[in-house]
Amino acid sequence: MYRNDKVIRRYSEPFKLKILAELTIGKHTKSELCKLYSIAPTTVNEWIKKYNRKNLMNTRIKVETKDEISRIKALQKEIEQLKKLLLKKDLDAMVMDSYLEVAAEDLGYKSVNELKKKLRGLLP
C-alpha cells in the first residue's frame, strides 16, 4: 500500500440502524460502540443526524449554584453599564470634535489640528 492510500469504509443502512438501535436501548454507550466496531464518533453523530435521532446526541447540562447565577447576572449588568458608558464617551468625543471643527472654521483656521496647536500654546 502507498502512503496516500486511504481505506474508505462504507456502512450499510442495516448496520447503521443496528448501531443506532444498540445506542437507543442503552446496550452500549456511543464511545463503547465506536471502539467495538472501529467507527469514528463523528460518523455515529452523522448517522444520528441523518436518521433524525436527536435524542441520541450528547447533551450538555450546566449545573450552577445560586451564587454563580447571581454573579453572572451581576457581571452581565455591569457589562451593560460599561457599554452605555463607552457609548456616551464616544458620543461626547464626537460632539467635542464637531465643536472643534466649527470653532476652527469660525476662527479662520485651516484645520482642527491648527486650532489645537494654538490652544496648546495658550494653556499652561
Protein backbone atom coordinates (compact mmCIF):
# COMPACT_ATOMS: atom_id res chain seq x y z
CA MET A 1 0.00 0.00 0.00
CA TYR A 2 1.14 3.50 -0.74
CA ARG A 3 1.35 6.27 1.80
CA ASN A 4 -1.58 8.25 0.42
CA ASP A 5 -3.87 5.25 0.06
CA LYS A 6 -6.75 5.62 2.46
CA VAL A 7 -9.20 3.00 3.48
CA ILE A 8 -12.68 4.23 2.75
CA ARG A 9 -15.34 2.45 4.73
CA ARG A 10 -18.91 2.25 3.57
CA TYR A 11 -21.54 1.13 6.04
CA SER A 12 -24.82 -0.45 5.01
CA GLU A 13 -28.14 1.02 6.09
CA PRO A 14 -29.00 -2.02 8.27
CA PHE A 15 -25.62 -1.73 10.01
CA LYS A 16 -26.18 1.97 10.73
CA LEU A 17 -29.65 1.26 12.08
CA LYS A 18 -28.26 -1.59 14.20
CA ILE A 19 -25.73 0.76 15.80
CA LEU A 20 -28.43 3.35 16.48
CA ALA A 21 -30.71 0.65 17.93
CA GLU A 22 -27.97 -0.51 20.29
CA LEU A 23 -27.40 3.07 21.31
CA THR A 24 -31.13 3.60 21.87
CA ILE A 25 -31.64 0.60 24.14
CA GLY A 26 -28.56 1.55 26.10
CA LYS A 27 -26.77 -1.72 25.48
CA HIS A 28 -23.56 0.25 24.90
CA THR A 29 -22.50 3.88 25.12
CA LYS A 30 -21.52 5.75 21.99
CA SER A 31 -17.83 5.53 22.83
CA GLU A 32 -18.10 1.80 23.51
CA LEU A 33 -19.83 1.22 20.18
CA CYS A 34 -17.19 3.27 18.38
CA LYS A 35 -14.41 1.18 19.90
CA LEU A 36 -16.24 -2.10 19.41
CA TYR A 37 -16.95 -1.53 15.70
CA SER A 38 -13.98 0.79 14.95
CA ILE A 39 -16.22 3.67 13.97
CA ALA A 40 -15.33 7.33 14.41
CA PRO A 41 -17.62 9.17 16.85
CA THR A 42 -18.26 11.83 14.21
CA THR A 43 -19.57 9.11 11.89
CA VAL A 44 -22.08 7.99 14.50
CA ASN A 45 -23.09 11.61 15.04
CA GLU A 46 -23.71 11.95 11.31
CA TRP A 47 -25.94 8.87 11.38
CA ILE A 48 -27.85 10.31 14.34
CA LYS A 49 -28.47 13.49 12.36
CA LYS A 50 -29.26 11.61 9.14
CA TYR A 51 -31.90 9.46 10.80
CA ASN A 52 -33.20 12.36 12.89
CA ARG A 53 -32.43 10.70 16.22
CA LYS A 54 -31.51 13.88 18.09
CA ASN A 55 -32.37 12.22 21.39
CA LEU A 56 -29.20 10.12 20.98
CA MET A 57 -26.93 13.15 20.70
CA ASN A 58 -24.84 14.04 23.70
CA THR A 59 -26.43 16.79 25.72
CA ARG A 60 -24.66 19.19 27.97
CA ILE A 61 -26.19 20.16 31.24
CA LYS A 62 -24.71 23.13 33.02
CA VAL A 63 -25.01 22.92 36.78
CA GLU A 64 -24.61 26.19 38.62
CA THR A 65 -25.11 27.31 42.18
CA LYS A 66 -27.30 30.26 43.07
CA ASP A 67 -24.16 32.25 43.89
CA GLU A 68 -22.78 31.61 40.41
CA ILE A 69 -26.05 32.59 38.77
CA SER A 70 -26.28 35.82 40.76
CA ARG A 71 -22.62 36.58 40.00
CA ILE A 72 -23.23 36.03 36.27
CA LYS A 73 -26.27 38.32 36.36
CA ALA A 74 -24.28 40.99 38.20
CA LEU A 75 -21.47 40.74 35.64
CA GLN A 76 -23.96 40.98 32.77
CA LYS A 77 -25.48 44.08 34.34
CA GLU A 78 -22.02 45.59 34.78
CA ILE A 79 -21.19 44.84 31.14
CA GLU A 80 -24.35 46.64 30.02
CA GLN A 81 -23.47 49.66 32.18
CA LEU A 82 -19.94 49.75 30.76
CA LYS A 83 -21.30 49.54 27.22
CA LYS A 84 -23.57 52.51 27.92
CA LEU A 85 -20.68 54.49 29.43
CA LEU A 86 -18.47 53.70 26.45
CA LEU A 87 -21.21 54.76 24.06
CA LYS A 88 -21.67 58.02 25.98
CA LYS A 89 -17.92 58.65 25.92
CA ASP A 90 -17.80 58.03 22.16
CA LEU A 91 -20.74 60.38 21.62
CA ASP A 92 -19.12 63.05 23.81
CA ALA A 93 -15.90 62.74 21.79
CA MET A 94 -17.86 63.11 18.53
CA VAL A 95 -19.61 66.21 19.87
CA MET A 96 -16.28 67.68 21.00
CA ASP A 97 -14.76 67.02 17.57
CA SER A 98 -17.74 68.72 15.96
CA TYR A 99 -17.37 71.73 18.25
CA LEU A 100 -13.69 71.97 17.39
CA GLU A 101 -14.42 71.78 13.67
CA VAL A 102 -16.99 74.57 13.93
CA ALA A 103 -14.68 76.68 16.13
CA ALA A 104 -11.73 76.19 13.76
CA GLU A 105 -13.89 77.22 10.80
CA ASP A 106 -15.35 80.25 12.61
CA LEU A 107 -11.93 81.43 13.81
CA GLY A 108 -10.40 81.04 10.36
CA TYR A 109 -8.08 78.11 10.97
CA LYS A 110 -7.40 75.68 8.12
CA SER A 111 -7.81 72.60 10.29
CA VAL A 112 -8.72 71.43 13.77
CA ASN A 113 -5.08 70.46 14.35
CA GLU A 114 -4.01 74.04 13.73
CA LEU A 115 -6.54 75.25 16.32
CA LYS A 116 -5.36 72.61 18.81
CA LYS A 117 -1.74 73.73 18.37
CA LYS A 118 -2.75 77.31 19.02
CA LEU A 119 -4.74 76.33 22.11
CA ARG A 120 -1.83 74.27 23.50
CA GLY A 121 0.34 77.35 23.31
CA LEU A 122 -2.20 79.33 25.37
CA LEU A 123 -2.78 76.72 28.06
CA PRO A 124 -0.36 76.38 30.97
